[in-house]
Amino acid sequence: MRAVSPRAWGAPENLVPVEVDRPEPGLTEILVRVHAAGVNPVDWKTRAEGAFGTWGDTPILGYDVSGVVEEVGPGVTLYRPGDEVFGMPRFPEQTGGYAEFVAAPARRFAPKPRSVDHVAAAALPLAALTAWQGLVETAGLRAGQRVLVHAAAGGVGHLAVQIAKAHGAYVIGTARAEKHAFLRDLGADEVVDYTRVDFAEAVRDVDIVLDGVGGAYGERSLPVLRRGGHLVTLPDPGGLPDPVRAAELGVHTGWTVVEPDRLGLLEIARLVDEGRLRAEIDTVLPLEEAAKAHAHGELGRTQGKIVLRVA
């Protein structure tokens, strides 16, 4: 089958088309013919720095997939050949989304949202689950709360804005001025241009901060939170603020990593089909141009998601 693999960890141009054996579905697994694969920051960070976990002799990047069930392995009762599914199986181990076929546990997938095509569906799993798990499950998002989303126009951020609005929150986002109209269209109540305004001075009385930037943003976000509020850090634990200061302010802090979650995918699909959640597609490229997709993503100026068209 066709796939894309790095000749060596490092630069985007190391990603090259290859031919590899088609995987076979094992016990409780399904074989999915991939129609589209999402591209995420974790993909280009892995390509640049090297993978961790079990990847095999020919590493294949890509966690987000949307496609059609080709075969079912022994013990699978959820799906049949021909069913449309989407998911983020095996993360952080190799999923192999940059390929024509993926074999993975059936319960790491969910039925694809009926109202969107495979490109839109492939843009959802990792980013939407990250936002869902951070806001709803980690921070306990409730109606009426005030939520601040950093990097609100990015892959995770623009989905977090919509998920928070769908739960009845008042949403504030940080983004460059040229992206403000986009975020207001998604439902953001306030937008702060971080290049001109210090959000720590402009925002107050927030219940939840979803930090998709990292670095000093965690420490800078503490003053905007109410006592009892939650700071959820996504990029790396190095962005967590001083725990002593956080405790003095009565703020809960923590680093969260997304996990495969069929129930979360079902909720995401429901919001999509209800018209309350959509993935903004920045760029669609063919599978063979994965290197170009990575180079574009690393510029840090995307609005929404990058997707590879496979089938």
C-alpha atoms as a PDB file:
ATOM      1  CA  MET A   1       0.000   0.000   0.000  1.00  0.00           C
ATOM      2  CA  ARG A   2       1.002   3.648  -0.397  1.00  0.00           C
ATOM      3  CA  ALA A   3       2.303   5.430   2.694  1.00  0.00           C
ATOM      4  CA  VAL A   4       4.613   8.262   3.728  1.00  0.00           C
ATOM      5  CA  SER A   5       7.561   7.640   6.046  1.00  0.00           C
ATOM      6  CA  PRO A   6      10.577   9.680   7.208  1.00  0.00           C
ATOM      7  CA  ARG A   7      13.890   8.460   5.797  1.00  0.00           C
ATOM      8  CA  ALA A   8      15.324   9.757   9.079  1.00  0.00           C
ATOM      9  CA  TRP A   9      14.029  11.937  11.908  1.00  0.00           C
ATOM     10  CA  GLY A  10      14.614  15.597  11.139  1.00  0.00           C
ATOM     11  CA  ALA A  11      13.552  18.007   8.397  1.00  0.00           C
ATOM     12  CA  PRO A  12      10.188  17.941   6.558  1.00  0.00           C
ATOM     13  CA  GLU A  13      11.841  16.870   3.311  1.00  0.00           C
ATOM     14  CA  ASN A  14      12.739  13.576   4.988  1.00  0.00           C
ATOM     15  CA  LEU A  15       9.085  12.557   4.544  1.00  0.00           C
ATOM     16  CA  VAL A  16       8.907  10.498   1.369  1.00  0.00           C
ATOM     17  CA  PRO A  17       6.351   8.179  -0.305  1.00  0.00           C
ATOM     18  CA  VAL A  18       6.977   4.480   0.304  1.00  0.00           C
ATOM     19  CA  GLU A  19       5.325   1.143  -0.450  1.00  0.00           C
ATOM     20  CA  VAL A  20       4.682  -1.084   2.578  1.00  0.00           C
ATOM     21  CA  ASP A  21       2.662  -4.193   3.322  1.00  0.00           C
ATOM     22  CA  ARG A  22      -1.002  -3.686   4.089  1.00  0.00           C
ATOM     23  CA  PRO A  23      -1.711  -4.373   7.779  1.00  0.00           C
ATOM     24  CA  GLU A  24      -4.024  -7.194   8.823  1.00  0.00           C
ATOM     25  CA  PRO A  25      -6.681  -6.694  11.502  1.00  0.00           C
ATOM     26  CA  GLY A  26      -6.012  -8.736  14.627  1.00  0.00           C
ATOM     27  CA  LEU A  27      -8.292  -9.798  17.451  1.00  0.00           C
ATOM     28  CA  THR A  28     -10.925  -7.047  18.120  1.00  0.00           C
ATOM     29  CA  GLU A  29      -9.381  -4.856  15.382  1.00  0.00           C
ATOM     30  CA  ILE A  30     -10.741  -3.360  12.182  1.00  0.00           C
ATOM     31  CA  LEU A  31      -8.944  -2.542   8.954  1.00  0.00           C
ATOM     32  CA  VAL A  32      -9.840   0.948   7.744  1.00  0.00           C
ATOM     33  CA  ARG A  33      -9.285   2.224   4.219  1.00  0.00           C
ATOM     34  CA  VAL A  34      -8.113   5.760   4.992  1.00  0.00           C
ATOM     35  CA  HIS A  35      -9.794   8.519   2.991  1.00  0.00           C
ATOM     36  CA  ALA A  36      -8.188  11.431   4.849  1.00  0.00           C
ATOM     37  CA  ALA A  37      -5.608  11.952   7.595  1.00  0.00           C
ATOM     38  CA  GLY A  38      -5.318  14.966   9.863  1.00  0.00           C
ATOM     39  CA  VAL A  39      -1.962  16.679  10.407  1.00  0.00           C
ATOM     40  CA  ASN A  40      -1.189  17.872  13.949  1.00  0.00           C
ATOM     41  CA  PRO A  41       1.710  19.630  15.706  1.00  0.00           C
ATOM     42  CA  VAL A  42       2.601  16.351  17.420  1.00  0.00           C
ATOM     43  CA  ASP A  43       3.243  14.924  13.926  1.00  0.00           C
ATOM     44  CA  TRP A  44       5.916  17.435  12.976  1.00  0.00           C
ATOM     45  CA  LYS A  45       7.407  17.436  16.470  1.00  0.00           C
ATOM     46  CA  THR A  46       7.728  13.646  16.275  1.00  0.00           C
ATOM     47  CA  ARG A  47       9.238  13.887  12.789  1.00  0.00           C
ATOM     48  CA  ALA A  48      11.756  16.474  13.968  1.00  0.00           C
ATOM     49  CA  GLU A  49      12.751  14.896  17.278  1.00  0.00           C
ATOM     50  CA  GLY A  50      12.064  11.177  16.846  1.00  0.00           C
ATOM     51  CA  ALA A  51       9.234   8.923  17.982  1.00  0.00           C
ATOM     52  CA  PHE A  52       8.794   7.249  21.338  1.00  0.00           C
ATOM     53  CA  GLY A  53       7.014   3.953  21.913  1.00  0.00           C
ATOM     54  CA  THR A  54       6.602   1.087  19.449  1.00  0.00           C
ATOM     55  CA  TRP A  55       6.871   2.121  15.776  1.00  0.00           C
ATOM     56  CA  GLY A  56       8.532  -0.655  13.791  1.00  0.00           C
ATOM     57  CA  ASP A  57      11.137  -0.548  11.036  1.00  0.00           C
ATOM     58  CA  THR A  58       9.185   1.833   8.773  1.00  0.00           C
ATOM     59  CA  PRO A  59       7.655   4.555  10.937  1.00  0.00           C
ATOM     60  CA  ILE A  60       4.425   6.041   9.605  1.00  0.00           C
ATOM     61  CA  LEU A  61       3.182   9.281  11.155  1.00  0.00           C
ATOM     62  CA  GLY A  62      -0.414  10.436  11.479  1.00  0.00           C
ATOM     63  CA  TYR A  63      -2.926   9.920  14.303  1.00  0.00           C
ATOM     64  CA  ASP A  64      -6.175  11.332  12.872  1.00  0.00           C
ATOM     65  CA  VAL A  65      -7.958   9.140  10.344  1.00  0.00           C
ATOM     66  CA  SER A  66     -11.340   9.030   8.659  1.00  0.00           C
ATOM     67  CA  GLY A  67     -12.283   6.257   6.302  1.00  0.00           C
ATOM     68  CA  VAL A  68     -14.298   3.138   5.562  1.00  0.00           C
ATOM     69  CA  VAL A  69     -14.081  -0.248   7.268  1.00  0.00           C
ATOM     70  CA  GLU A  70     -12.486  -2.715   4.845  1.00  0.00           C
ATOM     71  CA  GLU A  71     -12.337  -5.799   7.077  1.00  0.00           C
ATOM     72  CA  VAL A  72     -13.162  -6.745  10.674  1.00  0.00           C
ATOM     73  CA  GLY A  73     -11.023  -8.979  12.842  1.00  0.00           C
ATOM     74  CA  PRO A  74     -12.197 -11.759  15.159  1.00  0.00           C
ATOM     75  CA  GLY A  75     -14.490 -10.627  17.956  1.00  0.00           C
ATOM     76  CA  VAL A  76     -15.570  -7.314  16.397  1.00  0.00           C
ATOM     77  CA  THR A  77     -19.298  -6.604  16.692  1.00  0.00           C
ATOM     78  CA  LEU A  78     -19.412  -2.790  16.462  1.00  0.00           C
ATOM     79  CA  TYR A  79     -18.695  -2.455  12.750  1.00  0.00           C
ATOM     80  CA  ARG A  80     -19.089  -4.149   9.404  1.00  0.00           C
ATOM     81  CA  PRO A  81     -17.283  -3.630   6.099  1.00  0.00           C
ATOM     82  CA  GLY A  82     -18.556  -0.446   4.476  1.00  0.00           C
ATOM     83  CA  ASP A  83     -19.126   1.478   7.724  1.00  0.00           C
ATOM     84  CA  GLU A  84     -17.669   4.998   7.814  1.00  0.00           C
ATOM     85  CA  VAL A  85     -15.549   5.674  10.906  1.00  0.00           C
ATOM     86  CA  PHE A  86     -13.144   8.234  12.313  1.00  0.00           C
ATOM     87  CA  GLY A  87     -10.734   8.104  15.216  1.00  0.00           C
ATOM     88  CA  MET A  88      -7.346   8.580  16.847  1.00  0.00           C
ATOM     89  CA  PRO A  89      -6.335   4.978  17.603  1.00  0.00           C
ATOM     90  CA  ARG A  90      -3.221   3.912  19.533  1.00  0.00           C
ATOM     91  CA  PHE A  91      -2.008   7.424  20.457  1.00  0.00           C
ATOM     92  CA  PRO A  92       0.807   7.986  21.423  1.00  0.00           C
ATOM     93  CA  GLU A  93       1.983   4.751  19.791  1.00  0.00           C
ATOM     94  CA  GLN A  94       2.112   4.534  15.987  1.00  0.00           C
ATOM     95  CA  THR A  95      -1.281   4.818  14.326  1.00  0.00           C
ATOM     96  CA  GLY A  96       0.060   5.064  10.796  1.00  0.00           C
ATOM     97  CA  GLY A  97      -2.492   7.511   9.441  1.00  0.00           C
ATOM     98  CA  TYR A  98      -0.318   8.650   6.526  1.00  0.00           C
ATOM     99  CA  ALA A  99      -1.177   5.466   4.636  1.00  0.00           C
ATOM    100  CA  GLU A 100      -3.920   3.842   2.596  1.00  0.00           C
ATOM    101  CA  PHE A 101      -4.889   1.451   5.408  1.00  0.00           C
ATOM    102  CA  VAL A 102      -4.829   1.438   9.199  1.00  0.00           C
ATOM    103  CA  ALA A 103      -5.508  -1.549  11.459  1.00  0.00           C
ATOM    104  CA  ALA A 104      -6.425  -0.754  15.068  1.00  0.00           C
ATOM    105  CA  PRO A 105      -8.798  -1.720  17.912  1.00  0.00           C
ATOM    106  CA  ALA A 106     -12.433  -1.241  16.896  1.00  0.00           C
ATOM    107  CA  ARG A 107     -13.319   0.690  20.047  1.00  0.00           C
ATOM    108  CA  ARG A 108     -10.738   3.363  19.272  1.00  0.00           C
ATOM    109  CA  PHE A 109     -13.053   4.523  16.458  1.00  0.00           C
ATOM    110  CA  ALA A 110     -16.569   5.944  16.291  1.00  0.00           C
ATOM    111  CA  PRO A 111     -19.061   6.341  13.440  1.00  0.00           C
ATOM    112  CA  LYS A 112     -18.071   9.302  11.273  1.00  0.00           C
ATOM    113  CA  PRO A 113     -20.367  12.330  11.673  1.00  0.00           C
ATOM    114  CA  ARG A 114     -23.031  11.953   9.000  1.00  0.00           C
ATOM    115  CA  SER A 115     -23.126  15.632   8.065  1.00  0.00           C
ATOM    116  CA  VAL A 116     -19.483  16.060   6.972  1.00  0.00           C
ATOM    117  CA  ASP A 117     -17.085  14.451   4.509  1.00  0.00           C
ATOM    118  CA  HIS A 118     -13.941  12.500   5.360  1.00  0.00           C
ATOM    119  CA  VAL A 119     -11.664  15.540   5.098  1.00  0.00           C
ATOM    120  CA  ALA A 120     -13.657  17.420   7.738  1.00  0.00           C
ATOM    121  CA  ALA A 121     -13.945  14.311   9.907  1.00  0.00           C
ATOM    122  CA  ALA A 122     -10.193  13.626   9.761  1.00  0.00           C
ATOM    123  CA  ALA A 123      -9.531  17.116  11.126  1.00  0.00           C
ATOM    124  CA  LEU A 124     -11.407  16.361  14.342  1.00  0.00           C
ATOM    125  CA  PRO A 125     -10.226  13.455  16.509  1.00  0.00           C
ATOM    126  CA  LEU A 126      -6.970  14.532  18.162  1.00  0.00           C
ATOM    127  CA  ALA A 127      -7.706  18.256  18.371  1.00  0.00           C
ATOM    128  CA  ALA A 128     -11.364  17.917  19.375  1.00  0.00           C
ATOM    129  CA  LEU A 129     -10.631  15.203  21.943  1.00  0.00           C
ATOM    130  CA  THR A 130      -7.846  17.375  23.378  1.00  0.00           C
ATOM    131  CA  ALA A 131     -10.286  20.269  23.808  1.00  0.00           C
ATOM    132  CA  TRP A 132     -13.078  18.011  25.093  1.00  0.00           C
ATOM    133  CA  GLN A 133     -10.957  16.190  27.651  1.00  0.00           C
ATOM    134  CA  GLY A 134      -9.273  19.388  28.826  1.00  0.00           C
ATOM    135  CA  LEU A 135     -12.427  21.461  29.213  1.00  0.00           C
ATOM    136  CA  VAL A 136     -15.201  19.000  30.016  1.00  0.00           C
ATOM    137  CA  GLU A 137     -13.473  16.133  31.790  1.00  0.00           C
ATOM    138  CA  THR A 138     -10.431  17.752  33.412  1.00  0.00           C
ATOM    139  CA  ALA A 139     -11.798  21.202  34.286  1.00  0.00           C
ATOM    140  CA  GLY A 140     -15.466  20.195  34.705  1.00  0.00           C
ATOM    141  CA  LEU A 141     -16.847  22.851  32.334  1.00  0.00           C
ATOM    142  CA  ARG A 142     -20.341  24.073  33.268  1.00  0.00           C
ATOM    143  CA  ALA A 143     -22.834  26.492  31.758  1.00  0.00           C
ATOM    144  CA  GLY A 144     -22.278  30.100  32.737  1.00  0.00           C
ATOM    145  CA  GLN A 145     -18.552  29.780  33.372  1.00  0.00           C
ATOM    146  CA  ARG A 146     -15.969  32.106  31.835  1.00  0.00           C
ATOM    147  CA  VAL A 147     -13.378  30.317  29.684  1.00  0.00           C
ATOM    148  CA  LEU A 148     -10.140  31.734  28.265  1.00  0.00           C
ATOM    149  CA  VAL A 149      -8.684  29.846  25.292  1.00  0.00           C
ATOM    150  CA  HIS A 150      -5.111  30.674  24.281  1.00  0.00           C
ATOM    151  CA  ALA A 151      -4.186  30.214  20.599  1.00  0.00           C
ATOM    152  CA  ALA A 152      -7.911  30.238  19.951  1.00  0.00           C
ATOM    153  CA  ALA A 153      -7.677  30.182  16.141  1.00  0.00           C
ATOM    154  CA  GLY A 154      -5.432  27.109  16.036  1.00  0.00           C
ATOM    155  CA  GLY A 155      -6.334  23.455  15.560  1.00  0.00           C
ATOM    156  CA  VAL A 156      -7.277  22.753  19.182  1.00  0.00           C
ATOM    157  CA  GLY A 157      -8.226  26.318  20.034  1.00  0.00           C
ATOM    158  CA  HIS A 158     -10.960  26.887  17.447  1.00  0.00           C
ATOM    159  CA  LEU A 159     -12.621  23.603  18.442  1.00  0.00           C
ATOM    160  CA  ALA A 160     -12.299  24.469  22.143  1.00  0.00           C
ATOM    161  CA  VAL A 161     -14.110  27.765  21.534  1.00  0.00           C
ATOM    162  CA  GLN A 162     -17.042  25.905  19.987  1.00  0.00           C
ATOM    163  CA  ILE A 163     -17.144  23.143  22.616  1.00  0.00           C
ATOM    164  CA  ALA A 164     -17.170  25.740  25.393  1.00  0.00           C
ATOM    165  CA  LYS A 165     -19.981  27.673  23.679  1.00  0.00           C
ATOM    166  CA  ALA A 166     -21.957  24.461  23.173  1.00  0.00           C
ATOM    167  CA  HIS A 167     -21.805  23.990  26.950  1.00  0.00           C
ATOM    168  CA  GLY A 168     -23.114  27.493  27.636  1.00  0.00           C
ATOM    169  CA  ALA A 169     -19.838  29.175  28.584  1.00  0.00           C
ATOM    170  CA  TYR A 170     -18.732  32.776  28.047  1.00  0.00           C
ATOM    171  CA  VAL A 171     -15.655  32.398  25.839  1.00  0.00           C
ATOM    172  CA  ILE A 172     -12.616  34.659  25.513  1.00  0.00           C
ATOM    173  CA  GLY A 173      -9.883  33.853  23.003  1.00  0.00           C
ATOM    174  CA  THR A 174      -6.382  35.145  22.333  1.00  0.00           C
ATOM    175  CA  ALA A 175      -5.391  35.518  18.684  1.00  0.00           C
ATOM    176  CA  ARG A 176      -3.916  37.949  16.195  1.00  0.00           C
ATOM    177  CA  ALA A 177      -6.241  40.718  15.010  1.00  0.00           C
ATOM    178  CA  GLU A 178      -6.720  39.237  11.535  1.00  0.00           C
ATOM    179  CA  LYS A 179      -8.328  36.143  13.104  1.00  0.00           C
ATOM    180  CA  HIS A 180     -10.827  37.950  15.324  1.00  0.00           C
ATOM    181  CA  ALA A 181     -13.685  37.884  12.814  1.00  0.00           C
ATOM    182  CA  PHE A 182     -13.201  34.127  12.373  1.00  0.00           C
ATOM    183  CA  LEU A 183     -13.376  33.529  16.129  1.00  0.00           C
ATOM    184  CA  ARG A 184     -16.443  35.698  16.576  1.00  0.00           C
ATOM    185  CA  ASP A 185     -18.105  33.702  13.812  1.00  0.00           C
ATOM    186  CA  LEU A 186     -17.391  30.573  15.872  1.00  0.00           C
ATOM    187  CA  GLY A 187     -19.098  32.157  18.862  1.00  0.00           C
ATOM    188  CA  ALA A 188     -16.289  33.778  20.875  1.00  0.00           C
ATOM    189  CA  ASP A 189     -17.688  36.526  23.116  1.00  0.00           C
ATOM    190  CA  GLU A 190     -14.391  38.407  23.445  1.00  0.00           C
ATOM    191  CA  VAL A 191     -11.128  38.248  21.503  1.00  0.00           C
ATOM    192  CA  VAL A 192      -7.796  39.665  22.702  1.00  0.00           C
ATOM    193  CA  ASP A 193      -4.999  40.558  20.274  1.00  0.00           C
ATOM    194  CA  TYR A 194      -2.025  39.223  22.234  1.00  0.00           C
ATOM    195  CA  THR A 195       0.403  41.165  20.015  1.00  0.00           C
ATOM    196  CA  ARG A 196      -1.016  44.492  21.204  1.00  0.00           C
ATOM    197  CA  VAL A 197      -2.653  43.796  24.571  1.00  0.00           C
ATOM    198  CA  ASP A 198      -1.437  41.928  27.644  1.00  0.00           C
ATOM    199  CA  PHE A 199      -4.204  39.403  28.248  1.00  0.00           C
ATOM    200  CA  ALA A 200      -3.197  39.263  31.923  1.00  0.00           C
ATOM    201  CA  GLU A 201      -4.245  42.910  32.229  1.00  0.00           C
ATOM    202  CA  ALA A 202      -7.308  42.735  29.957  1.00  0.00           C
ATOM    203  CA  VAL A 203      -8.998  39.600  31.326  1.00  0.00           C
ATOM    204  CA  ARG A 204     -10.285  38.825  34.816  1.00  0.00           C
ATOM    205  CA  ASP A 205     -12.552  36.440  36.758  1.00  0.00           C
ATOM    206  CA  VAL A 206     -12.039  33.419  34.507  1.00  0.00           C
ATOM    207  CA  ASP A 207     -13.068  29.927  35.632  1.00  0.00           C
ATOM    208  CA  ILE A 208     -11.019  27.920  33.129  1.00  0.00           C
ATOM    209  CA  VAL A 209      -7.907  28.690  31.093  1.00  0.00           C
ATOM    210  CA  LEU A 210      -7.038  26.270  28.276  1.00  0.00           C
ATOM    211  CA  ASP A 211      -3.388  26.945  27.491  1.00  0.00           C
ATOM    212  CA  GLY A 212      -2.347  25.715  24.077  1.00  0.00           C
ATOM    213  CA  VAL A 213       0.806  27.858  23.971  1.00  0.00           C
ATOM    214  CA  GLY A 214       2.869  26.789  26.972  1.00  0.00           C
ATOM    215  CA  GLY A 215       6.037  28.456  28.184  1.00  0.00           C
ATOM    216  CA  ALA A 216       5.344  31.547  30.292  1.00  0.00           C
ATOM    217  CA  TYR A 217       1.639  31.554  29.422  1.00  0.00           C
ATOM    218  CA  GLY A 218       0.791  29.336  32.389  1.00  0.00           C
ATOM    219  CA  GLU A 219       2.380  31.641  34.955  1.00  0.00           C
ATOM    220  CA  ARG A 220       0.928  34.716  33.234  1.00  0.00           C
ATOM    221  CA  SER A 221      -2.547  33.162  33.280  1.00  0.00           C
ATOM    222  CA  LEU A 222      -2.745  32.707  37.059  1.00  0.00           C
ATOM    223  CA  PRO A 223      -3.952  36.281  37.865  1.00  0.00           C
ATOM    224  CA  VAL A 224      -6.887  36.028  35.447  1.00  0.00           C
ATOM    225  CA  LEU A 225      -8.362  33.007  37.256  1.00  0.00           C
ATOM    226  CA  ARG A 226     -10.884  33.076  40.041  1.00  0.00           C
ATOM    227  CA  ARG A 227     -10.180  31.186  43.255  1.00  0.00           C
ATOM    228  CA  GLY A 228     -11.148  27.594  42.528  1.00  0.00           C
ATOM    229  CA  GLY A 229     -10.461  28.019  38.812  1.00  0.00           C
ATOM    230  CA  HIS A 230      -8.619  25.552  36.566  1.00  0.00           C
ATOM    231  CA  LEU A 231      -5.541  26.081  34.409  1.00  0.00           C
ATOM    232  CA  VAL A 232      -5.240  23.236  31.892  1.00  0.00           C
ATOM    233  CA  THR A 233      -1.849  23.158  30.141  1.00  0.00           C
ATOM    234  CA  LEU A 234      -1.569  21.242  26.856  1.00  0.00           C
ATOM    235  CA  PRO A 235       1.878  21.600  25.177  1.00  0.00           C
ATOM    236  CA  ASP A 236       4.223  20.336  27.908  1.00  0.00           C
ATOM    237  CA  PRO A 237       4.554  20.217  31.710  1.00  0.00           C
ATOM    238  CA  GLY A 238       7.301  22.836  31.525  1.00  0.00           C
ATOM    239  CA  GLY A 239       4.547  25.424  31.098  1.00  0.00           C
ATOM    240  CA  LEU A 240       3.007  24.751  34.497  1.00  0.00           C
ATOM    241  CA  PRO A 241       3.261  27.712  36.894  1.00  0.00           C
ATOM    242  CA  ASP A 242       4.866  27.698  40.328  1.00  0.00           C
ATOM    243  CA  PRO A 243       2.703  25.317  42.412  1.00  0.00           C
ATOM    244  CA  VAL A 244       3.184  27.364  45.583  1.00  0.00           C
ATOM    245  CA  ARG A 245       1.845  30.517  43.940  1.00  0.00           C
ATOM    246  CA  ALA A 246      -1.018  28.584  42.341  1.00  0.00           C
ATOM    247  CA  ALA A 247      -1.966  27.147  45.734  1.00  0.00           C
ATOM    248  CA  GLU A 248      -1.874  30.603  47.325  1.00  0.00           C
ATOM    249  CA  LEU A 249      -4.293  31.843  44.656  1.00  0.00           C
ATOM    250  CA  GLY A 250      -6.524  28.789  45.058  1.00  0.00           C
ATOM    251  CA  VAL A 251      -6.050  27.744  41.422  1.00  0.00           C
ATOM    252  CA  HIS A 252      -5.979  24.142  40.205  1.00  0.00           C
ATOM    253  CA  THR A 253      -3.247  23.469  37.635  1.00  0.00           C
ATOM    254  CA  GLY A 254      -2.307  20.437  35.591  1.00  0.00           C
ATOM    255  CA  TRP A 255      -0.866  19.103  32.357  1.00  0.00           C
ATOM    256  CA  THR A 256      -3.121  16.861  30.307  1.00  0.00           C
ATOM    257  CA  VAL A 257      -2.344  14.563  27.370  1.00  0.00           C
ATOM    258  CA  VAL A 258      -5.118  13.453  25.035  1.00  0.00           C
ATOM    259  CA  GLU A 259      -6.168   9.788  25.112  1.00  0.00           C
ATOM    260  CA  PRO A 260      -8.097   7.648  22.630  1.00  0.00           C
ATOM    261  CA  ASP A 261     -11.738   7.866  23.699  1.00  0.00           C
ATOM    262  CA  ARG A 262     -14.687   6.384  21.815  1.00  0.00           C
ATOM    263  CA  LEU A 263     -17.273   8.021  24.099  1.00  0.00           C
ATOM    264  CA  GLY A 264     -15.652  11.410  23.559  1.00  0.00           C
ATOM    265  CA  LEU A 265     -15.700  10.859  19.794  1.00  0.00           C
ATOM    266  CA  LEU A 266     -19.413  10.040  19.966  1.00  0.00           C
ATOM    267  CA  GLU A 267     -20.066  13.342  21.759  1.00  0.00           C
ATOM    268  CA  ILE A 268     -17.954  15.221  19.226  1.00  0.00           C
ATOM    269  CA  ALA A 269     -19.819  13.606  16.332  1.00  0.00           C
ATOM    270  CA  ARG A 270     -23.125  14.544  17.962  1.00  0.00           C
ATOM    271  CA  LEU A 271     -22.102  18.200  18.218  1.00  0.00           C
ATOM    272  CA  VAL A 272     -20.983  18.176  14.578  1.00  0.00           C
ATOM    273  CA  ASP A 273     -24.267  16.684  13.353  1.00  0.00           C
ATOM    274  CA  GLU A 274     -26.206  19.185  15.471  1.00  0.00           C
ATOM    275  CA  GLY A 275     -24.376  22.021  13.727  1.00  0.00           C
ATOM    276  CA  ARG A 276     -22.603  23.189  16.897  1.00  0.00           C
ATOM    277  CA  LEU A 277     -19.066  22.108  16.022  1.00  0.00           C
ATOM    278  CA  ARG A 278     -17.083  22.274  12.812  1.00  0.00           C
ATOM    279  CA  ALA A 279     -13.445  21.938  11.903  1.00  0.00           C
ATOM    280  CA  GLU A 280     -12.006  24.841   9.963  1.00  0.00           C
ATOM    281  CA  ILE A 281      -9.813  23.454   7.175  1.00  0.00           C
ATOM    282  CA  ASP A 282      -6.738  25.563   6.502  1.00  0.00           C
ATOM    283  CA  THR A 283      -5.141  23.388   3.811  1.00  0.00           C
ATOM    284  CA  VAL A 284      -5.829  20.077   2.028  1.00  0.00           C
ATOM    285  CA  LEU A 285      -2.947  18.315   0.285  1.00  0.00           C
ATOM    286  CA  PRO A 286      -2.500  14.876  -1.268  1.00  0.00           C
ATOM    287  CA  LEU A 287      -0.801  12.198   0.828  1.00  0.00           C
ATOM    288  CA  GLU A 288       2.390  12.445  -1.232  1.00  0.00           C
ATOM    289  CA  GLU A 289       2.797  16.089  -0.188  1.00  0.00           C
ATOM    290  CA  ALA A 290       3.008  15.375   3.544  1.00  0.00           C
ATOM    291  CA  ALA A 291       6.376  17.139   3.674  1.00  0.00           C
ATOM    292  CA  LYS A 292       4.765  20.309   2.342  1.00  0.00           C
ATOM    293  CA  ALA A 293       1.983  19.970   4.936  1.00  0.00           C
ATOM    294  CA  HIS A 294       4.554  19.763   7.741  1.00  0.00           C
ATOM    295  CA  ALA A 295       6.525  22.745   6.471  1.00  0.00           C
ATOM    296  CA  HIS A 296       3.318  24.778   6.299  1.00  0.00           C
ATOM    297  CA  GLY A 297       2.239  23.746   9.804  1.00  0.00           C
ATOM    298  CA  GLU A 298       5.582  24.598  11.342  1.00  0.00           C
ATOM    299  CA  LEU A 299       5.155  28.232  10.296  1.00  0.00           C
ATOM    300  CA  GLY A 300       2.604  28.530  13.126  1.00  0.00           C
ATOM    301  CA  ARG A 301       0.146  30.627  11.136  1.00  0.00           C
ATOM    302  CA  THR A 302      -2.548  28.107  10.272  1.00  0.00           C
ATOM    303  CA  GLN A 303      -6.199  28.873  10.881  1.00  0.00           C
ATOM    304  CA  GLY A 304      -7.736  25.547  11.804  1.00  0.00           C
ATOM    305  CA  LYS A 305      -6.412  22.217  10.526  1.00  0.00           C
ATOM    306  CA  ILE A 306      -4.240  20.742   7.779  1.00  0.00           C
ATOM    307  CA  VAL A 307      -5.517  17.508   6.209  1.00  0.00           C
ATOM    308  CA  LEU A 308      -4.013  14.982   3.805  1.00  0.00           C
ATOM    309  CA  ARG A 309      -6.326  13.452   1.219  1.00  0.00           C
ATOM    310  CA  VAL A 310      -5.482   9.755   0.920  1.00  0.00           C
ATOM    311  CA  ALA A 311      -8.193   7.869  -0.987  1.00  0.00           C
END
